[in-house]
């Protein structure tokens, strides 16, 4: 899955909601620096997905 962060989160959420317990991802970026950048961005997204939703107030 590619695209803006919201698109990636939506796609991963669909897999999890469908019962996925393991997801294998391939970082497709040129060179080690690009791969590291993509991996860091993905890690931030995954951590954000794990944070509980805070209720107002």
Protein backbone atom coordinates (compact mmCIF):
# COMPACT_ATOMS: atom_id res chain seq x y z
CA UNK A 1 0.00 0.00 0.00
CA UNK A 2 1.31 3.39 -0.94
CA UNK A 3 0.17 6.94 -0.66
CA UNK A 4 -0.32 9.59 1.96
CA UNK A 5 -0.19 8.57 5.64
CA UNK A 6 -3.98 8.54 6.03
CA UNK A 7 -4.34 6.16 3.10
CA UNK A 8 -1.73 3.78 4.53
CA UNK A 9 -3.37 3.84 7.98
CA UNK A 10 -6.80 3.15 6.43
CA UNK A 11 -5.42 0.20 4.49
CA UNK A 12 -3.64 -1.30 7.48
CA UNK A 13 -6.74 -0.76 9.62
CA UNK A 14 -8.85 -2.72 7.12
CA UNK A 15 -6.46 -5.69 7.42
CA UNK A 16 -6.51 -5.56 11.22
CA UNK A 17 -10.31 -5.17 11.33
CA UNK A 18 -10.59 -8.22 9.05
CA UNK A 19 -8.66 -10.25 11.62
CA UNK A 20 -5.05 -10.01 10.45
CA UNK A 21 -2.66 -10.90 13.23
CA UNK A 22 0.52 -10.45 11.19
CA UNK A 23 1.26 -8.02 8.39
CA UNK A 24 4.41 -8.20 6.29
CA UNK A 25 5.54 -4.93 4.78
CA UNK A 26 8.20 -4.23 2.18
CA UNK A 27 9.94 -0.89 2.28
CA UNK A 28 10.40 0.07 -1.38
CA UNK A 29 12.63 3.11 -1.36
CA UNK A 30 15.89 3.66 -3.22
CA UNK A 31 19.02 3.25 -1.13
CA UNK A 32 19.51 2.74 2.59
CA UNK A 33 18.80 6.38 3.48
CA UNK A 34 15.46 6.34 1.68
CA UNK A 35 14.57 3.00 3.25
CA UNK A 36 15.45 4.30 6.72
CA UNK A 37 13.29 7.39 6.16
CA UNK A 38 10.34 5.27 5.05
CA UNK A 39 10.80 2.88 7.97
CA UNK A 40 10.86 5.79 10.43
CA UNK A 41 7.68 7.21 8.90
CA UNK A 42 5.99 3.81 9.04
CA UNK A 43 7.01 3.35 12.69
CA UNK A 44 5.43 6.72 13.53
CA UNK A 45 2.20 5.69 11.80
CA UNK A 46 2.06 2.35 13.58
CA UNK A 47 2.67 3.95 16.97
CA UNK A 48 -0.08 6.48 16.28
CA UNK A 49 -2.46 3.63 15.38
CA UNK A 50 -1.79 1.99 18.75
CA UNK A 51 -2.58 5.09 20.81
CA UNK A 52 -6.00 4.92 22.41
CA UNK A 53 -8.56 7.37 21.12
CA UNK A 54 -9.05 10.10 23.72
CA UNK A 55 -12.59 11.14 24.48
CA UNK A 56 -13.40 14.83 24.66
CA UNK A 57 -13.28 16.54 28.04
